[in-house]
């Protein structure tokens, strides 16, 4: 093959890949621009003090979204507290301990769980989980706890798959060297394999967080809903996504702009949580 022809093809491939990458960046920019543009009337006419208050009553001109922000944070963190230990434990089992047949069986189960539609998981939560929690806690059964369990179930396959890939990329020589120096299997996992796979595990947690914070239909079925602060883990409340879902069909004018402002707040919230996780991890690395 001619050298100039090879260089020309390589240049074309690079440009094509660059365009594809920029399309993804452009999509993100367009989403931010659209949501910001539609949120401007809410910020100018409603005002930040009204918008970030605790009262939601469009009939009286009160558009406080703090209740929904709190609900979003609590359900997301609750879901991660359930999903991350289960997912990392499953990933470690698959990569470090499971026999081949058992590993294949568990992997297929995780893949099937990831493919179940969110409406199905939400409906199972509504028909089985909520009555169970109601009987155990003598409450309505809906609320932060039910939503966190559902989000934990939905986020676990995503975190497990990515964490497994991250753990499998750790060179086998690391494990062999650690065991050769007299370390136990658990010491090798804790002090060698997990630190080596930390960047990939961080990505897994971040993607699981994105899965949890953006879920709508399944959460709407088990969280209540109610426009009040949760007094306990089993009292109905709302999240940003569920409120947008409930209100978007009948909204117009200023209320519609407020819903876009809620979407903008959700966008900032997810970005803030991702940055917080990255900064916390980076500080730990610097401390070492």
C-alpha atoms as a PDB file:
ATOM      1  CA  UNK A   1       0.000   0.000   0.000  1.00  0.00           C
ATOM      2  CA  UNK A   2       1.244   3.469  -0.912  1.00  0.00           C
ATOM      3  CA  UNK A   3       2.476   5.468   2.080  1.00  0.00           C
ATOM      4  CA  UNK A   4       0.641   8.647   1.066  1.00  0.00           C
ATOM      5  CA  UNK A   5      -2.597   6.644   0.659  1.00  0.00           C
ATOM      6  CA  UNK A   6      -2.170   5.194   4.138  1.00  0.00           C
ATOM      7  CA  UNK A   7      -1.629   8.660   5.625  1.00  0.00           C
ATOM      8  CA  UNK A   8      -4.665   9.971   3.773  1.00  0.00           C
ATOM      9  CA  UNK A   9      -6.885   7.196   5.144  1.00  0.00           C
ATOM     10  CA  UNK A  10      -5.577   7.736   8.643  1.00  0.00           C
ATOM     11  CA  UNK A  11      -6.340  11.468   8.344  1.00  0.00           C
ATOM     12  CA  UNK A  12      -9.906  10.716   7.185  1.00  0.00           C
ATOM     13  CA  UNK A  13     -10.491   8.276  10.059  1.00  0.00           C
ATOM     14  CA  UNK A  14      -9.208  10.823  12.588  1.00  0.00           C
ATOM     15  CA  UNK A  15     -11.531  13.507  11.214  1.00  0.00           C
ATOM     16  CA  UNK A  16     -14.521  11.156  11.260  1.00  0.00           C
ATOM     17  CA  UNK A  17     -13.844  10.166  14.859  1.00  0.00           C
ATOM     18  CA  UNK A  18     -13.366  13.827  15.782  1.00  0.00           C
ATOM     19  CA  UNK A  19     -16.731  14.730  14.235  1.00  0.00           C
ATOM     20  CA  UNK A  20     -18.454  11.896  16.087  1.00  0.00           C
ATOM     21  CA  UNK A  21     -16.913  13.002  19.375  1.00  0.00           C
ATOM     22  CA  UNK A  22     -17.941  16.601  18.758  1.00  0.00           C
ATOM     23  CA  UNK A  23     -21.501  15.488  18.026  1.00  0.00           C
ATOM     24  CA  UNK A  24     -21.711  14.116  21.564  1.00  0.00           C
ATOM     25  CA  UNK A  25     -20.325  17.374  22.964  1.00  0.00           C
ATOM     26  CA  UNK A  26     -22.705  19.382  20.770  1.00  0.00           C
ATOM     27  CA  UNK A  27     -25.660  17.350  22.049  1.00  0.00           C
ATOM     28  CA  UNK A  28     -24.742  18.167  25.648  1.00  0.00           C
ATOM     29  CA  UNK A  29     -24.318  21.858  24.814  1.00  0.00           C
ATOM     30  CA  UNK A  30     -27.679  21.994  23.035  1.00  0.00           C
ATOM     31  CA  UNK A  31     -29.433  20.390  25.992  1.00  0.00           C
ATOM     32  CA  UNK A  32     -27.882  22.894  28.404  1.00  0.00           C
ATOM     33  CA  UNK A  33     -28.737  25.817  26.121  1.00  0.00           C
ATOM     34  CA  UNK A  34     -32.352  24.699  25.648  1.00  0.00           C
ATOM     35  CA  UNK A  35     -33.005  24.058  29.338  1.00  0.00           C
ATOM     36  CA  UNK A  36     -31.332  27.332  30.319  1.00  0.00           C
ATOM     37  CA  UNK A  37     -33.297  29.325  27.747  1.00  0.00           C
ATOM     38  CA  UNK A  38     -36.631  27.893  28.850  1.00  0.00           C
ATOM     39  CA  UNK A  39     -35.735  28.477  32.522  1.00  0.00           C
ATOM     40  CA  UNK A  40     -35.059  32.208  32.135  1.00  0.00           C
ATOM     41  CA  UNK A  41     -38.732  33.319  32.559  1.00  0.00           C
ATOM     42  CA  UNK A  42     -38.944  31.380  35.815  1.00  0.00           C
ATOM     43  CA  UNK A  43     -35.759  32.967  37.118  1.00  0.00           C
ATOM     44  CA  UNK A  44     -36.772  36.512  36.109  1.00  0.00           C
ATOM     45  CA  UNK A  45     -40.516  36.498  36.878  1.00  0.00           C
ATOM     46  CA  UNK A  46     -40.707  34.081  39.786  1.00  0.00           C
ATOM     47  CA  UNK A  47     -37.363  35.067  41.259  1.00  0.00           C
ATOM     48  CA  UNK A  48     -34.691  32.931  42.920  1.00  0.00           C
ATOM     49  CA  UNK A  49     -36.075  33.496  46.439  1.00  0.00           C
ATOM     50  CA  UNK A  50     -39.509  32.190  45.453  1.00  0.00           C
ATOM     51  CA  UNK A  51     -38.048  29.421  43.317  1.00  0.00           C
ATOM     52  CA  UNK A  52     -35.790  28.127  46.092  1.00  0.00           C
ATOM     53  CA  UNK A  53     -38.435  28.264  48.816  1.00  0.00           C
ATOM     54  CA  UNK A  54     -40.293  25.372  50.436  1.00  0.00           C
ATOM     55  CA  UNK A  55     -43.843  26.112  49.243  1.00  0.00           C
ATOM     56  CA  UNK A  56     -45.291  24.771  45.990  1.00  0.00           C
ATOM     57  CA  UNK A  57     -48.697  26.173  45.053  1.00  0.00           C
ATOM     58  CA  UNK A  58     -48.984  27.524  41.488  1.00  0.00           C
ATOM     59  CA  UNK A  59     -52.465  28.904  42.227  1.00  0.00           C
ATOM     60  CA  UNK A  60     -50.992  31.377  44.693  1.00  0.00           C
ATOM     61  CA  UNK A  61     -47.800  31.977  42.712  1.00  0.00           C
ATOM     62  CA  UNK A  62     -45.572  29.883  44.985  1.00  0.00           C
ATOM     63  CA  UNK A  63     -43.080  27.778  43.040  1.00  0.00           C
ATOM     64  CA  UNK A  64     -40.665  26.498  45.675  1.00  0.00           C
ATOM     65  CA  UNK A  65     -38.666  23.485  44.525  1.00  0.00           C
ATOM     66  CA  UNK A  66     -36.575  22.790  47.640  1.00  0.00           C
ATOM     67  CA  UNK A  67     -38.861  19.899  48.612  1.00  0.00           C
ATOM     68  CA  UNK A  68     -38.146  18.184  45.300  1.00  0.00           C
ATOM     69  CA  UNK A  69     -34.407  18.792  45.544  1.00  0.00           C
ATOM     70  CA  UNK A  70     -34.323  17.212  49.000  1.00  0.00           C
ATOM     71  CA  UNK A  71     -36.341  14.235  47.756  1.00  0.00           C
ATOM     72  CA  UNK A  72     -33.969  13.775  44.824  1.00  0.00           C
ATOM     73  CA  UNK A  73     -30.871  13.873  47.017  1.00  0.00           C
ATOM     74  CA  UNK A  74     -32.263  11.462  49.592  1.00  0.00           C
ATOM     75  CA  UNK A  75     -33.482   8.892  47.076  1.00  0.00           C
ATOM     76  CA  UNK A  76     -30.262   9.040  45.057  1.00  0.00           C
ATOM     77  CA  UNK A  77     -28.008   8.658  48.088  1.00  0.00           C
ATOM     78  CA  UNK A  78     -30.237   5.920  49.486  1.00  0.00           C
ATOM     79  CA  UNK A  79     -30.129   4.051  46.198  1.00  0.00           C
ATOM     80  CA  UNK A  80     -26.335   4.291  46.057  1.00  0.00           C
ATOM     81  CA  UNK A  81     -25.979   3.096  49.647  1.00  0.00           C
ATOM     82  CA  UNK A  82     -27.867  -0.031  48.614  1.00  0.00           C
ATOM     83  CA  UNK A  83     -26.447  -0.500  45.113  1.00  0.00           C
ATOM     84  CA  UNK A  84     -22.716   0.177  45.586  1.00  0.00           C
ATOM     85  CA  UNK A  85     -21.962  -2.500  48.233  1.00  0.00           C
ATOM     86  CA  UNK A  86     -24.072  -5.087  46.384  1.00  0.00           C
ATOM     87  CA  UNK A  87     -22.537  -4.230  43.022  1.00  0.00           C
ATOM     88  CA  UNK A  88     -18.908  -4.159  44.197  1.00  0.00           C
ATOM     89  CA  UNK A  89     -19.405  -7.371  46.150  1.00  0.00           C
ATOM     90  CA  UNK A  90     -20.897  -9.044  43.092  1.00  0.00           C
ATOM     91  CA  UNK A  91     -18.100  -7.756  40.850  1.00  0.00           C
ATOM     92  CA  UNK A  92     -15.434  -9.008  43.264  1.00  0.00           C
ATOM     93  CA  UNK A  93     -17.136 -12.386  43.486  1.00  0.00           C
ATOM     94  CA  UNK A  94     -17.299 -12.695  39.706  1.00  0.00           C
ATOM     95  CA  UNK A  95     -13.682 -11.705  39.111  1.00  0.00           C
ATOM     96  CA  UNK A  96     -11.891 -13.151  42.144  1.00  0.00           C
ATOM     97  CA  UNK A  97     -13.820 -16.050  43.636  1.00  0.00           C
ATOM     98  CA  UNK A  98     -16.594 -17.481  41.462  1.00  0.00           C
ATOM     99  CA  UNK A  99     -16.139 -20.800  39.635  1.00  0.00           C
ATOM    100  CA  UNK A 100     -16.619 -20.491  35.880  1.00  0.00           C
ATOM    101  CA  UNK A 101     -20.147 -21.932  35.762  1.00  0.00           C
ATOM    102  CA  UNK A 102     -21.320 -19.957  38.762  1.00  0.00           C
ATOM    103  CA  UNK A 103     -19.746 -16.793  37.362  1.00  0.00           C
ATOM    104  CA  UNK A 104     -21.514 -17.294  34.046  1.00  0.00           C
ATOM    105  CA  UNK A 105     -24.847 -17.846  35.794  1.00  0.00           C
ATOM    106  CA  UNK A 106     -24.508 -14.727  37.954  1.00  0.00           C
ATOM    107  CA  UNK A 107     -23.360 -12.651  34.969  1.00  0.00           C
ATOM    108  CA  UNK A 108     -26.403 -13.689  32.955  1.00  0.00           C
ATOM    109  CA  UNK A 109     -28.630 -12.822  35.897  1.00  0.00           C
ATOM    110  CA  UNK A 110     -27.107  -9.354  36.166  1.00  0.00           C
ATOM    111  CA  UNK A 111     -27.545  -8.817  32.425  1.00  0.00           C
ATOM    112  CA  UNK A 112     -31.206  -9.860  32.596  1.00  0.00           C
ATOM    113  CA  UNK A 113     -31.791  -7.538  35.563  1.00  0.00           C
ATOM    114  CA  UNK A 114     -30.242  -4.667  33.600  1.00  0.00           C
ATOM    115  CA  UNK A 115     -32.607  -5.337  30.702  1.00  0.00           C
ATOM    116  CA  UNK A 116     -35.838  -5.269  32.719  1.00  0.00           C
ATOM    117  CA  UNK A 117     -37.817  -2.083  31.847  1.00  0.00           C
ATOM    118  CA  UNK A 118     -38.052   0.462  34.643  1.00  0.00           C
ATOM    119  CA  UNK A 119     -41.854   0.441  34.537  1.00  0.00           C
ATOM    120  CA  UNK A 120     -41.821  -3.303  35.335  1.00  0.00           C
ATOM    121  CA  UNK A 121     -39.503  -2.827  38.324  1.00  0.00           C
ATOM    122  CA  UNK A 122     -41.590   0.118  39.480  1.00  0.00           C
ATOM    123  CA  UNK A 123     -44.801  -1.888  39.193  1.00  0.00           C
ATOM    124  CA  UNK A 124     -43.295  -4.781  41.162  1.00  0.00           C
ATOM    125  CA  UNK A 125     -42.222  -2.259  43.792  1.00  0.00           C
ATOM    126  CA  UNK A 126     -45.724  -0.798  43.911  1.00  0.00           C
ATOM    127  CA  UNK A 127     -47.519  -4.149  44.170  1.00  0.00           C
ATOM    128  CA  UNK A 128     -45.046  -6.078  46.356  1.00  0.00           C
ATOM    129  CA  UNK A 129     -42.523  -3.790  48.056  1.00  0.00           C
ATOM    130  CA  UNK A 130     -44.858  -0.992  49.145  1.00  0.00           C
ATOM    131  CA  UNK A 131     -47.396  -3.341  50.827  1.00  0.00           C
ATOM    132  CA  UNK A 132     -44.521  -5.183  52.529  1.00  0.00           C
ATOM    133  CA  UNK A 133     -43.043  -1.959  53.899  1.00  0.00           C
ATOM    134  CA  UNK A 134     -46.512  -0.797  54.936  1.00  0.00           C
ATOM    135  CA  UNK A 135     -47.002  -3.974  56.946  1.00  0.00           C
ATOM    136  CA  UNK A 136     -43.539  -3.806  58.523  1.00  0.00           C
ATOM    137  CA  UNK A 137     -43.561  -0.099  59.377  1.00  0.00           C
ATOM    138  CA  UNK A 138     -47.326   0.448  59.850  1.00  0.00           C
ATOM    139  CA  UNK A 139     -47.267   3.325  57.409  1.00  0.00           C
ATOM    140  CA  UNK A 140     -48.309   4.002  53.834  1.00  0.00           C
ATOM    141  CA  UNK A 141     -45.203   2.135  52.661  1.00  0.00           C
ATOM    142  CA  UNK A 142     -44.346   4.723  50.046  1.00  0.00           C
ATOM    143  CA  UNK A 143     -41.531   7.235  50.408  1.00  0.00           C
ATOM    144  CA  UNK A 144     -37.752   7.528  50.449  1.00  0.00           C
ATOM    145  CA  UNK A 145     -37.100   3.953  51.606  1.00  0.00           C
ATOM    146  CA  UNK A 146     -39.171   2.297  48.871  1.00  0.00           C
ATOM    147  CA  UNK A 147     -37.715   4.599  46.201  1.00  0.00           C
ATOM    148  CA  UNK A 148     -34.156   3.960  47.439  1.00  0.00           C
ATOM    149  CA  UNK A 149     -34.624   0.187  47.275  1.00  0.00           C
ATOM    150  CA  UNK A 150     -36.002   0.419  43.745  1.00  0.00           C
ATOM    151  CA  UNK A 151     -33.167   2.711  42.643  1.00  0.00           C
ATOM    152  CA  UNK A 152     -30.630   0.410  44.275  1.00  0.00           C
ATOM    153  CA  UNK A 153     -31.996  -2.556  42.308  1.00  0.00           C
ATOM    154  CA  UNK A 154     -31.974  -0.570  39.062  1.00  0.00           C
ATOM    155  CA  UNK A 155     -28.482   0.877  39.544  1.00  0.00           C
ATOM    156  CA  UNK A 156     -26.808  -2.333  40.706  1.00  0.00           C
ATOM    157  CA  UNK A 157     -26.448  -4.013  37.260  1.00  0.00           C
ATOM    158  CA  UNK A 158     -24.837  -0.911  35.742  1.00  0.00           C
ATOM    159  CA  UNK A 159     -22.316  -0.558  38.556  1.00  0.00           C
ATOM    160  CA  UNK A 160     -21.639  -4.303  38.603  1.00  0.00           C
ATOM    161  CA  UNK A 161     -20.891  -4.553  34.878  1.00  0.00           C
ATOM    162  CA  UNK A 162     -18.502  -1.602  34.797  1.00  0.00           C
ATOM    163  CA  UNK A 163     -16.841  -2.543  38.099  1.00  0.00           C
ATOM    164  CA  UNK A 164     -16.287  -6.089  36.823  1.00  0.00           C
ATOM    165  CA  UNK A 165     -14.596  -4.751  33.688  1.00  0.00           C
ATOM    166  CA  UNK A 166     -12.421  -2.461  35.824  1.00  0.00           C
ATOM    167  CA  UNK A 167     -11.360  -5.314  38.091  1.00  0.00           C
ATOM    168  CA  UNK A 168     -10.582  -7.571  35.120  1.00  0.00           C
ATOM    169  CA  UNK A 169      -8.182  -4.978  33.692  1.00  0.00           C
ATOM    170  CA  UNK A 170      -5.913  -5.236  36.744  1.00  0.00           C
ATOM    171  CA  UNK A 171      -2.845  -7.234  35.614  1.00  0.00           C
ATOM    172  CA  UNK A 172      -2.724 -10.749  37.053  1.00  0.00           C
ATOM    173  CA  UNK A 173       0.912 -10.147  37.936  1.00  0.00           C
ATOM    174  CA  UNK A 174      -0.223  -7.744  40.694  1.00  0.00           C
ATOM    175  CA  UNK A 175      -2.209 -10.523  42.352  1.00  0.00           C
ATOM    176  CA  UNK A 176       0.517 -13.094  41.891  1.00  0.00           C
ATOM    177  CA  UNK A 177       3.170 -10.789  43.339  1.00  0.00           C
ATOM    178  CA  UNK A 178       1.023  -9.998  46.377  1.00  0.00           C
ATOM    179  CA  UNK A 179       0.271 -13.655  47.095  1.00  0.00           C
ATOM    180  CA  UNK A 180       3.913 -14.493  46.516  1.00  0.00           C
ATOM    181  CA  UNK A 181       4.862 -12.037  49.272  1.00  0.00           C
ATOM    182  CA  UNK A 182       2.605 -13.868  51.704  1.00  0.00           C
ATOM    183  CA  UNK A 183      -0.568 -11.777  51.552  1.00  0.00           C
ATOM    184  CA  UNK A 184      -3.931 -13.463  51.964  1.00  0.00           C
ATOM    185  CA  UNK A 185      -6.621 -13.320  49.293  1.00  0.00           C
ATOM    186  CA  UNK A 186      -8.531 -10.614  51.163  1.00  0.00           C
ATOM    187  CA  UNK A 187      -5.382  -8.559  51.770  1.00  0.00           C
ATOM    188  CA  UNK A 188      -4.588  -8.805  48.068  1.00  0.00           C
ATOM    189  CA  UNK A 189      -8.094  -7.673  47.110  1.00  0.00           C
ATOM    190  CA  UNK A 190      -8.165  -4.804  49.609  1.00  0.00           C
ATOM    191  CA  UNK A 191      -4.618  -3.459  49.255  1.00  0.00           C
ATOM    192  CA  UNK A 192      -3.761  -4.308  45.645  1.00  0.00           C
ATOM    193  CA  UNK A 193      -6.694  -5.030  43.344  1.00  0.00           C
ATOM    194  CA  UNK A 194      -9.184  -2.407  44.552  1.00  0.00           C
ATOM    195  CA  UNK A 195      -6.636   0.466  44.550  1.00  0.00           C
ATOM    196  CA  UNK A 196      -5.449  -0.520  41.077  1.00  0.00           C
ATOM    197  CA  UNK A 197      -9.028  -0.586  39.766  1.00  0.00           C
ATOM    198  CA  UNK A 198     -10.112   2.621  41.547  1.00  0.00           C
ATOM    199  CA  UNK A 199     -10.522   4.823  38.411  1.00  0.00           C
ATOM    200  CA  UNK A 200     -12.814   2.278  36.776  1.00  0.00           C
ATOM    201  CA  UNK A 201     -14.750   1.724  39.991  1.00  0.00           C
ATOM    202  CA  UNK A 202     -15.249   5.473  40.278  1.00  0.00           C
ATOM    203  CA  UNK A 203     -16.710   5.567  36.768  1.00  0.00           C
ATOM    204  CA  UNK A 204     -19.041   2.726  37.726  1.00  0.00           C
ATOM    205  CA  UNK A 205     -20.333   4.624  40.757  1.00  0.00           C
ATOM    206  CA  UNK A 206     -20.785   7.823  38.744  1.00  0.00           C
ATOM    207  CA  UNK A 207     -22.790   6.050  36.027  1.00  0.00           C
ATOM    208  CA  UNK A 208     -24.856   4.314  38.686  1.00  0.00           C
ATOM    209  CA  UNK A 209     -25.497   7.702  40.260  1.00  0.00           C
ATOM    210  CA  UNK A 210     -26.651   9.046  36.911  1.00  0.00           C
ATOM    211  CA  UNK A 211     -28.981   6.065  36.564  1.00  0.00           C
ATOM    212  CA  UNK A 212     -30.463   6.739  39.996  1.00  0.00           C
ATOM    213  CA  UNK A 213     -30.811  10.504  39.873  1.00  0.00           C
ATOM    214  CA  UNK A 214     -32.577  10.505  36.505  1.00  0.00           C
ATOM    215  CA  UNK A 215     -35.080   7.683  37.064  1.00  0.00           C
ATOM    216  CA  UNK A 216     -38.689   8.846  36.879  1.00  0.00           C
ATOM    217  CA  UNK A 217     -41.448   6.303  36.260  1.00  0.00           C
ATOM    218  CA  UNK A 218     -40.333   3.632  38.741  1.00  0.00           C
ATOM    219  CA  UNK A 219     -39.764   6.228  41.468  1.00  0.00           C
ATOM    220  CA  UNK A 220     -43.133   7.879  40.810  1.00  0.00           C
ATOM    221  CA  UNK A 221     -44.897   4.572  41.500  1.00  0.00           C
ATOM    222  CA  UNK A 222     -43.357   4.041  44.952  1.00  0.00           C
ATOM    223  CA  UNK A 223     -42.533   7.463  46.382  1.00  0.00           C
ATOM    224  CA  UNK A 224     -46.067   8.672  47.052  1.00  0.00           C
ATOM    225  CA  UNK A 225     -46.189  11.264  45.752  1.00  0.00           C
ATOM    226  CA  UNK A 226     -46.783  14.308  47.974  1.00  0.00           C
ATOM    227  CA  UNK A 227     -45.431  17.850  47.873  1.00  0.00           C
ATOM    228  CA  UNK A 228     -44.147  17.788  51.449  1.00  0.00           C
ATOM    229  CA  UNK A 229     -40.839  17.253  53.193  1.00  0.00           C
ATOM    230  CA  UNK A 230     -40.387  13.602  54.196  1.00  0.00           C
ATOM    231  CA  UNK A 231     -40.836  13.274  57.954  1.00  0.00           C
ATOM    232  CA  UNK A 232     -39.521   9.720  57.842  1.00  0.00           C
ATOM    233  CA  UNK A 233     -38.295   7.166  55.325  1.00  0.00           C
ATOM    234  CA  UNK A 234     -41.839   5.901  54.819  1.00  0.00           C
ATOM    235  CA  UNK A 235     -43.788   9.119  54.265  1.00  0.00           C
ATOM    236  CA  UNK A 236     -44.760  10.176  50.703  1.00  0.00           C
ATOM    237  CA  UNK A 237     -42.736  12.912  49.026  1.00  0.00           C
ATOM    238  CA  UNK A 238     -41.580  14.013  45.553  1.00  0.00           C
ATOM    239  CA  UNK A 239     -38.388  14.242  43.513  1.00  0.00           C
ATOM    240  CA  UNK A 240     -37.558  16.655  40.708  1.00  0.00           C
ATOM    241  CA  UNK A 241     -38.149  14.012  38.057  1.00  0.00           C
ATOM    242  CA  UNK A 242     -41.466  12.791  39.444  1.00  0.00           C
ATOM    243  CA  UNK A 243     -42.785  16.337  39.830  1.00  0.00           C
ATOM    244  CA  UNK A 244     -41.863  17.166  36.241  1.00  0.00           C
ATOM    245  CA  UNK A 245     -43.612  13.973  35.120  1.00  0.00           C
ATOM    246  CA  UNK A 246     -46.783  14.783  37.065  1.00  0.00           C
ATOM    247  CA  UNK A 247     -47.013  18.425  36.011  1.00  0.00           C
ATOM    248  CA  UNK A 248     -45.753  18.544  32.414  1.00  0.00           C
ATOM    249  CA  UNK A 249     -49.019  17.419  30.814  1.00  0.00           C
ATOM    250  CA  UNK A 250     -51.059  20.302  32.241  1.00  0.00           C
ATOM    251  CA  UNK A 251     -48.423  23.021  32.519  1.00  0.00           C
ATOM    252  CA  UNK A 252     -48.178  26.140  30.400  1.00  0.00           C
ATOM    253  CA  UNK A 253     -46.698  29.594  30.563  1.00  0.00           C
ATOM    254  CA  UNK A 254     -44.831  30.400  33.747  1.00  0.00           C
ATOM    255  CA  UNK A 255     -45.434  26.997  35.344  1.00  0.00           C
ATOM    256  CA  UNK A 256     -43.916  25.311  32.297  1.00  0.00           C
ATOM    257  CA  UNK A 257     -40.845  27.519  32.639  1.00  0.00           C
ATOM    258  CA  UNK A 258     -40.583  26.514  36.301  1.00  0.00           C
ATOM    259  CA  UNK A 259     -40.531  22.861  35.261  1.00  0.00           C
ATOM    260  CA  UNK A 260     -37.627  23.643  32.954  1.00  0.00           C
ATOM    261  CA  UNK A 261     -35.944  25.386  35.883  1.00  0.00           C
ATOM    262  CA  UNK A 262     -36.414  22.170  37.852  1.00  0.00           C
ATOM    263  CA  UNK A 263     -34.777  20.251  35.002  1.00  0.00           C
ATOM    264  CA  UNK A 264     -31.919  22.765  35.062  1.00  0.00           C
ATOM    265  CA  UNK A 265     -31.575  22.288  38.835  1.00  0.00           C
ATOM    266  CA  UNK A 266     -31.484  18.512  38.297  1.00  0.00           C
ATOM    267  CA  UNK A 267     -28.735  18.972  35.717  1.00  0.00           C
ATOM    268  CA  UNK A 268     -26.678  21.103  38.104  1.00  0.00           C
ATOM    269  CA  UNK A 269     -27.350  18.660  40.924  1.00  0.00           C
ATOM    270  CA  UNK A 270     -26.074  15.667  38.970  1.00  0.00           C
ATOM    271  CA  UNK A 271     -22.998  17.580  37.822  1.00  0.00           C
ATOM    272  CA  UNK A 272     -22.328  18.720  41.390  1.00  0.00           C
ATOM    273  CA  UNK A 273     -22.585  15.196  42.779  1.00  0.00           C
ATOM    274  CA  UNK A 274     -20.236  13.861  40.103  1.00  0.00           C
ATOM    275  CA  UNK A 275     -17.686  16.586  40.831  1.00  0.00           C
ATOM    276  CA  UNK A 276     -17.993  15.929  44.565  1.00  0.00           C
ATOM    277  CA  UNK A 277     -17.230  12.232  44.093  1.00  0.00           C
ATOM    278  CA  UNK A 278     -14.237  13.001  41.865  1.00  0.00           C
ATOM    279  CA  UNK A 279     -12.846  15.649  44.236  1.00  0.00           C
ATOM    280  CA  UNK A 280     -13.241  13.388  47.268  1.00  0.00           C
ATOM    281  CA  UNK A 281     -11.446  10.558  45.476  1.00  0.00           C
ATOM    282  CA  UNK A 282      -8.689  12.863  44.273  1.00  0.00           C
ATOM    283  CA  UNK A 283      -8.093  14.177  47.800  1.00  0.00           C
ATOM    284  CA  UNK A 284      -7.703  10.608  49.066  1.00  0.00           C
ATOM    285  CA  UNK A 285      -5.168   9.892  46.338  1.00  0.00           C
ATOM    286  CA  UNK A 286      -3.193  13.030  47.203  1.00  0.00           C
ATOM    287  CA  UNK A 287      -3.308  12.119  50.902  1.00  0.00           C
ATOM    288  CA  UNK A 288      -1.596   8.836  50.086  1.00  0.00           C
END
